[in-house]
Amino acid sequence: MKKTFLLVVQILFATFCFSQDVIIKANGEEIKSKILEVNQTEVKYKNFDYQSGPSYTISKSEIFMIRYQNGTKDVFNDTKSKTGTIISVMPTEEMRTKGREDAINYYRGRNSGAGWTMATSIITSPLFALIPAIACSSSEPSDENLNAPNDKLMRDAEYKRAYVDESRKIKKKKIWKNFGIGSGIWLGVILLLGGITP
């Protein structure tokens, strides 16, 4: 009974903590709120503890970041664009999507071990080629081979994780594709040589 009670309390506490939007001002002050509107220059909100009360407005220039109840966030840079509005950093899910798309467009799989895997499977046999194929496909691409298009974006943890994960998938696919091609060539040569010998 005691364990059940503690579990219920923890769930209620977690629900309360994550069911609010938090405005983090440039000076570090946090405002627990319910965001009503974010426009070009201002953010309108209600106090989380008194949502039936008045609405408040705060200038974007005073805000460092808004952390929403669903886990996404908007970060407001103090650098102004040419139009004079604050530039907003993409929310978390958009950063992940951008990271995956950029990896598909920019990662080339250089020095991935795919060439060595193919060569090993042709020269020795597919059985021996399994060793470099497994070793190479289980490692992440090195930073110098990622070919990321934007160093600033790579400083964002979500973007980098998505970019590296997608690059790793591309690397694995390339390695196993080359393993298959090399094994096919090896098998073709063996069959050809077997047909030539009396």
C-alpha atoms as a PDB file:
ATOM      1  CA  MET A   1       0.000   0.000   0.000  1.00  0.00           C
ATOM      2  CA  LYS A   2       2.830   2.352   0.937  1.00  0.00           C
ATOM      3  CA  LYS A   3       4.626   1.681  -2.390  1.00  0.00           C
ATOM      4  CA  THR A   4       1.432   2.383  -4.330  1.00  0.00           C
ATOM      5  CA  PHE A   5       0.928   5.664  -2.469  1.00  0.00           C
ATOM      6  CA  LEU A   6       4.520   6.753  -3.190  1.00  0.00           C
ATOM      7  CA  LEU A   7       4.116   5.838  -6.866  1.00  0.00           C
ATOM      8  CA  VAL A   8       0.920   7.916  -7.131  1.00  0.00           C
ATOM      9  CA  VAL A   9       2.645  10.884  -5.445  1.00  0.00           C
ATOM     10  CA  GLN A  10       5.595  10.630  -7.866  1.00  0.00           C
ATOM     11  CA  ILE A  11       3.301  10.509 -10.897  1.00  0.00           C
ATOM     12  CA  LEU A  12       1.305  13.506  -9.678  1.00  0.00           C
ATOM     13  CA  PHE A  13       4.516  15.438  -8.958  1.00  0.00           C
ATOM     14  CA  ALA A  14       5.941  14.619 -12.422  1.00  0.00           C
ATOM     15  CA  THR A  15       2.663  15.612 -14.071  1.00  0.00           C
ATOM     16  CA  PHE A  16       2.628  18.921 -12.212  1.00  0.00           C
ATOM     17  CA  CYS A  17       6.261  19.674 -13.016  1.00  0.00           C
ATOM     18  CA  PHE A  18       5.915  18.980 -16.729  1.00  0.00           C
ATOM     19  CA  SER A  19       2.436  20.380 -17.356  1.00  0.00           C
ATOM     20  CA  GLN A  20       3.551  23.980 -17.426  1.00  0.00           C
ATOM     21  CA  ASP A  21       5.426  26.240 -19.778  1.00  0.00           C
ATOM     22  CA  VAL A  22       8.474  27.965 -18.316  1.00  0.00           C
ATOM     23  CA  ILE A  23       9.714  31.346 -19.505  1.00  0.00           C
ATOM     24  CA  ILE A  24      13.392  31.797 -18.691  1.00  0.00           C
ATOM     25  CA  LYS A  25      14.312  35.453 -18.815  1.00  0.00           C
ATOM     26  CA  ALA A  26      17.704  36.753 -19.907  1.00  0.00           C
ATOM     27  CA  ASN A  27      18.505  37.583 -16.265  1.00  0.00           C
ATOM     28  CA  GLY A  28      17.869  33.925 -15.248  1.00  0.00           C
ATOM     29  CA  GLU A  29      14.458  34.463 -13.651  1.00  0.00           C
ATOM     30  CA  GLU A  30      11.934  31.693 -14.380  1.00  0.00           C
ATOM     31  CA  ILE A  31       8.212  32.282 -14.824  1.00  0.00           C
ATOM     32  CA  LYS A  32       5.915  29.261 -14.579  1.00  0.00           C
ATOM     33  CA  SER A  33       3.248  30.035 -17.121  1.00  0.00           C
ATOM     34  CA  LYS A  34       0.718  28.984 -19.716  1.00  0.00           C
ATOM     35  CA  ILE A  35       1.802  30.485 -23.048  1.00  0.00           C
ATOM     36  CA  LEU A  36      -1.104  32.024 -24.962  1.00  0.00           C
ATOM     37  CA  GLU A  37       0.663  33.541 -27.958  1.00  0.00           C
ATOM     38  CA  VAL A  38       4.138  34.120 -29.364  1.00  0.00           C
ATOM     39  CA  ASN A  39       4.290  36.840 -32.008  1.00  0.00           C
ATOM     40  CA  GLN A  40       7.075  38.817 -33.711  1.00  0.00           C
ATOM     41  CA  THR A  41       8.012  40.947 -30.708  1.00  0.00           C
ATOM     42  CA  GLU A  42       6.078  39.725 -27.644  1.00  0.00           C
ATOM     43  CA  VAL A  43       4.946  36.681 -25.720  1.00  0.00           C
ATOM     44  CA  LYS A  44       1.524  36.633 -24.063  1.00  0.00           C
ATOM     45  CA  TYR A  45       0.996  34.313 -21.106  1.00  0.00           C
ATOM     46  CA  LYS A  46      -0.933  33.630 -17.912  1.00  0.00           C
ATOM     47  CA  ASN A  47       0.576  32.773 -14.558  1.00  0.00           C
ATOM     48  CA  PHE A  48       0.474  28.994 -14.206  1.00  0.00           C
ATOM     49  CA  ASP A  49      -0.717  29.215 -10.603  1.00  0.00           C
ATOM     50  CA  TYR A  50      -3.559  31.614 -11.495  1.00  0.00           C
ATOM     51  CA  GLN A  51      -4.738  30.788 -15.024  1.00  0.00           C
ATOM     52  CA  SER A  52      -8.125  32.393 -14.518  1.00  0.00           C
ATOM     53  CA  GLY A  53      -6.336  35.651 -13.715  1.00  0.00           C
ATOM     54  CA  PRO A  54      -5.040  38.393 -16.012  1.00  0.00           C
ATOM     55  CA  SER A  55      -2.898  37.881 -19.104  1.00  0.00           C
ATOM     56  CA  TYR A  56       0.629  39.280 -19.170  1.00  0.00           C
ATOM     57  CA  THR A  57       2.850  40.402 -22.028  1.00  0.00           C
ATOM     58  CA  ILE A  58       6.645  40.277 -22.089  1.00  0.00           C
ATOM     59  CA  SER A  59       8.999  41.479 -24.806  1.00  0.00           C
ATOM     60  CA  LYS A  60      10.982  38.764 -26.607  1.00  0.00           C
ATOM     61  CA  SER A  61      14.124  40.790 -26.000  1.00  0.00           C
ATOM     62  CA  GLU A  62      13.785  40.025 -22.255  1.00  0.00           C
ATOM     63  CA  ILE A  63      13.481  36.263 -22.831  1.00  0.00           C
ATOM     64  CA  PHE A  64      16.343  33.816 -23.150  1.00  0.00           C
ATOM     65  CA  MET A  65      14.213  30.678 -23.673  1.00  0.00           C
ATOM     66  CA  ILE A  66      10.706  29.200 -23.391  1.00  0.00           C
ATOM     67  CA  ARG A  67      10.508  25.560 -22.333  1.00  0.00           C
ATOM     68  CA  TYR A  68       7.070  24.192 -23.270  1.00  0.00           C
ATOM     69  CA  GLN A  69       5.116  21.543 -21.384  1.00  0.00           C
ATOM     70  CA  ASN A  70       5.608  18.997 -24.190  1.00  0.00           C
ATOM     71  CA  GLY A  71       9.412  19.200 -23.848  1.00  0.00           C
ATOM     72  CA  THR A  72      10.118  21.415 -26.863  1.00  0.00           C
ATOM     73  CA  LYS A  73      11.790  24.769 -26.469  1.00  0.00           C
ATOM     74  CA  ASP A  74      12.325  28.042 -28.243  1.00  0.00           C
ATOM     75  CA  VAL A  75      15.605  29.853 -27.631  1.00  0.00           C
ATOM     76  CA  PHE A  76      15.690  33.541 -28.444  1.00  0.00           C
ATOM     77  CA  ASN A  77      19.062  34.840 -29.528  1.00  0.00           C
ATOM     78  CA  ASP A  78      20.049  38.366 -28.551  1.00  0.00           C
ATOM     79  CA  THR A  79      21.274  38.892 -32.114  1.00  0.00           C
ATOM     80  CA  LYS A  80      18.664  40.716 -34.158  1.00  0.00           C
ATOM     81  CA  SER A  81      17.942  39.965 -37.764  1.00  0.00           C
ATOM     82  CA  LYS A  82      17.788  42.615 -40.460  1.00  0.00           C
ATOM     83  CA  THR A  83      14.067  43.052 -39.793  1.00  0.00           C
ATOM     84  CA  GLY A  84      14.757  43.804 -36.125  1.00  0.00           C
ATOM     85  CA  THR A  85      13.006  40.710 -34.808  1.00  0.00           C
ATOM     86  CA  ILE A  86      14.618  38.183 -32.521  1.00  0.00           C
ATOM     87  CA  ILE A  87      15.869  35.065 -34.276  1.00  0.00           C
ATOM     88  CA  SER A  88      14.361  31.888 -32.817  1.00  0.00           C
ATOM     89  CA  VAL A  89      16.252  28.612 -32.688  1.00  0.00           C
ATOM     90  CA  MET A  90      14.316  25.598 -33.962  1.00  0.00           C
ATOM     91  CA  PRO A  91      12.428  23.459 -31.424  1.00  0.00           C
ATOM     92  CA  THR A  92      13.897  20.076 -30.464  1.00  0.00           C
ATOM     93  CA  GLU A  93      11.998  17.885 -32.954  1.00  0.00           C
ATOM     94  CA  GLU A  94      12.803  20.252 -35.818  1.00  0.00           C
ATOM     95  CA  MET A  95      16.492  20.104 -34.868  1.00  0.00           C
ATOM     96  CA  ARG A  96      16.392  16.297 -34.986  1.00  0.00           C
ATOM     97  CA  THR A  97      14.665  16.348 -38.378  1.00  0.00           C
ATOM     98  CA  LYS A  98      17.192  18.873 -39.718  1.00  0.00           C
ATOM     99  CA  GLY A  99      20.057  16.713 -38.423  1.00  0.00           C
ATOM    100  CA  ARG A 100      18.708  13.592 -40.168  1.00  0.00           C
ATOM    101  CA  GLU A 101      18.069  15.459 -43.442  1.00  0.00           C
ATOM    102  CA  ASP A 102      21.530  17.058 -43.422  1.00  0.00           C
ATOM    103  CA  ALA A 103      23.194  13.682 -42.815  1.00  0.00           C
ATOM    104  CA  ILE A 104      21.357  12.223 -45.821  1.00  0.00           C
ATOM    105  CA  ASN A 105      22.458  15.178 -47.958  1.00  0.00           C
ATOM    106  CA  TYR A 106      26.053  15.651 -46.746  1.00  0.00           C
ATOM    107  CA  TYR A 107      27.461  12.444 -45.205  1.00  0.00           C
ATOM    108  CA  ARG A 108      29.378  10.521 -47.882  1.00  0.00           C
ATOM    109  CA  GLY A 109      30.642   7.540 -45.893  1.00  0.00           C
ATOM    110  CA  ARG A 110      34.299   8.199 -46.688  1.00  0.00           C
ATOM    111  CA  ASN A 111      36.789   6.016 -44.789  1.00  0.00           C
ATOM    112  CA  SER A 112      33.870   3.914 -43.543  1.00  0.00           C
ATOM    113  CA  GLY A 113      35.589   0.576 -44.151  1.00  0.00           C
ATOM    114  CA  ALA A 114      33.187  -0.356 -46.943  1.00  0.00           C
ATOM    115  CA  GLY A 115      36.024  -0.623 -49.477  1.00  0.00           C
ATOM    116  CA  TRP A 116      38.101  -2.865 -47.216  1.00  0.00           C
ATOM    117  CA  THR A 117      35.073  -5.054 -46.573  1.00  0.00           C
ATOM    118  CA  MET A 118      34.484  -5.540 -50.303  1.00  0.00           C
ATOM    119  CA  ALA A 119      38.165  -6.195 -50.993  1.00  0.00           C
ATOM    120  CA  THR A 120      38.401  -8.726 -48.143  1.00  0.00           C
ATOM    121  CA  SER A 121      35.310 -10.592 -49.320  1.00  0.00           C
ATOM    122  CA  ILE A 122      36.656 -10.827 -52.902  1.00  0.00           C
ATOM    123  CA  ILE A 123      40.269 -11.714 -52.058  1.00  0.00           C
ATOM    124  CA  THR A 124      39.721 -14.083 -49.135  1.00  0.00           C
ATOM    125  CA  SER A 125      36.093 -15.145 -48.647  1.00  0.00           C
ATOM    126  CA  PRO A 126      32.810 -13.737 -47.327  1.00  0.00           C
ATOM    127  CA  LEU A 127      33.430 -15.595 -44.061  1.00  0.00           C
ATOM    128  CA  PHE A 128      36.643 -13.660 -43.363  1.00  0.00           C
ATOM    129  CA  ALA A 129      35.040 -10.439 -44.629  1.00  0.00           C
ATOM    130  CA  LEU A 130      32.480 -10.663 -41.817  1.00  0.00           C
ATOM    131  CA  ILE A 131      35.179  -9.534 -39.382  1.00  0.00           C
ATOM    132  CA  PRO A 132      35.820  -6.073 -40.914  1.00  0.00           C
ATOM    133  CA  ALA A 133      32.128  -5.724 -41.827  1.00  0.00           C
ATOM    134  CA  ILE A 134      30.996  -6.221 -38.220  1.00  0.00           C
ATOM    135  CA  ALA A 135      33.842  -4.138 -36.780  1.00  0.00           C
ATOM    136  CA  CYS A 136      33.312  -1.201 -39.134  1.00  0.00           C
ATOM    137  CA  SER A 137      29.511  -1.187 -39.027  1.00  0.00           C
ATOM    138  CA  SER A 138      29.414  -1.228 -35.222  1.00  0.00           C
ATOM    139  CA  SER A 139      31.432   1.990 -34.858  1.00  0.00           C
ATOM    140  CA  GLU A 140      30.229   5.565 -35.274  1.00  0.00           C
ATOM    141  CA  PRO A 141      31.655   7.648 -38.098  1.00  0.00           C
ATOM    142  CA  SER A 142      34.598   9.747 -36.940  1.00  0.00           C
ATOM    143  CA  ASP A 143      34.023  13.485 -36.543  1.00  0.00           C
ATOM    144  CA  GLU A 144      36.367  14.391 -39.402  1.00  0.00           C
ATOM    145  CA  ASN A 145      34.383  12.159 -41.799  1.00  0.00           C
ATOM    146  CA  LEU A 146      30.923  13.493 -40.876  1.00  0.00           C
ATOM    147  CA  ASN A 147      31.128  16.332 -43.421  1.00  0.00           C
ATOM    148  CA  ALA A 148      28.609  18.389 -41.418  1.00  0.00           C
ATOM    149  CA  PRO A 149      27.474  21.504 -43.306  1.00  0.00           C
ATOM    150  CA  ASN A 150      27.272  23.786 -40.267  1.00  0.00           C
ATOM    151  CA  ASP A 151      29.582  23.807 -37.221  1.00  0.00           C
ATOM    152  CA  LYS A 152      27.142  25.944 -35.214  1.00  0.00           C
ATOM    153  CA  LEU A 153      24.335  23.417 -35.659  1.00  0.00           C
ATOM    154  CA  MET A 154      26.683  20.601 -34.596  1.00  0.00           C
ATOM    155  CA  ARG A 155      26.980  22.324 -31.203  1.00  0.00           C
ATOM    156  CA  ASP A 156      23.283  21.592 -30.615  1.00  0.00           C
ATOM    157  CA  ALA A 157      23.028  18.194 -28.871  1.00  0.00           C
ATOM    158  CA  GLU A 158      19.769  17.131 -30.565  1.00  0.00           C
ATOM    159  CA  TYR A 159      20.946  18.073 -34.064  1.00  0.00           C
ATOM    160  CA  LYS A 160      24.322  16.347 -33.585  1.00  0.00           C
ATOM    161  CA  ARG A 161      22.782  13.167 -32.171  1.00  0.00           C
ATOM    162  CA  ALA A 162      20.342  12.934 -35.117  1.00  0.00           C
ATOM    163  CA  TYR A 163      23.105  13.712 -37.650  1.00  0.00           C
ATOM    164  CA  VAL A 164      25.476  11.086 -36.179  1.00  0.00           C
ATOM    165  CA  ASP A 165      22.720   8.437 -35.861  1.00  0.00           C
ATOM    166  CA  GLU A 166      21.633   8.901 -39.480  1.00  0.00           C
ATOM    167  CA  SER A 167      25.275   8.913 -40.653  1.00  0.00           C
ATOM    168  CA  ARG A 168      25.830   5.649 -38.806  1.00  0.00           C
ATOM    169  CA  LYS A 169      22.824   4.081 -40.575  1.00  0.00           C
ATOM    170  CA  ILE A 170      24.175   5.251 -43.938  1.00  0.00           C
ATOM    171  CA  LYS A 171      27.627   3.867 -43.069  1.00  0.00           C
ATOM    172  CA  LYS A 172      26.180   0.469 -42.075  1.00  0.00           C
ATOM    173  CA  LYS A 173      24.106   0.269 -45.233  1.00  0.00           C
ATOM    174  CA  LYS A 174      27.144   1.074 -47.390  1.00  0.00           C
ATOM    175  CA  ILE A 175      29.332  -1.508 -45.614  1.00  0.00           C
ATOM    176  CA  TRP A 176      26.796  -4.334 -45.903  1.00  0.00           C
ATOM    177  CA  LYS A 177      26.011  -3.418 -49.508  1.00  0.00           C
ATOM    178  CA  ASN A 178      29.733  -3.668 -50.346  1.00  0.00           C
ATOM    179  CA  PHE A 179      29.940  -6.935 -48.389  1.00  0.00           C
ATOM    180  CA  GLY A 180      27.110  -8.318 -50.540  1.00  0.00           C
ATOM    181  CA  ILE A 181      28.699  -7.135 -53.790  1.00  0.00           C
ATOM    182  CA  GLY A 182      32.104  -8.552 -52.803  1.00  0.00           C
ATOM    183  CA  SER A 183      30.556 -11.863 -51.743  1.00  0.00           C
ATOM    184  CA  GLY A 184      28.694 -12.060 -55.047  1.00  0.00           C
ATOM    185  CA  ILE A 185      31.896 -11.453 -57.005  1.00  0.00           C
ATOM    186  CA  TRP A 186      33.740 -14.061 -54.895  1.00  0.00           C
ATOM    187  CA  LEU A 187      30.992 -16.615 -55.494  1.00  0.00           C
ATOM    188  CA  GLY A 188      30.957 -15.836 -59.235  1.00  0.00           C
ATOM    189  CA  VAL A 189      34.739 -16.334 -59.459  1.00  0.00           C
ATOM    190  CA  ILE A 190      34.535 -19.620 -57.519  1.00  0.00           C
ATOM    191  CA  LEU A 191      31.763 -20.900 -59.803  1.00  0.00           C
ATOM    192  CA  LEU A 192      33.646 -19.746 -62.888  1.00  0.00           C
ATOM    193  CA  LEU A 193      36.878 -21.409 -61.759  1.00  0.00           C
ATOM    194  CA  GLY A 194      34.958 -24.549 -60.799  1.00  0.00           C
ATOM    195  CA  GLY A 195      33.470 -24.703 -64.283  1.00  0.00           C
ATOM    196  CA  ILE A 196      36.869 -24.272 -65.981  1.00  0.00           C
ATOM    197  CA  THR A 197      38.748 -27.001 -64.112  1.00  0.00           C
ATOM    198  CA  PRO A 198      38.362 -30.532 -65.581  1.00  0.00           C
END
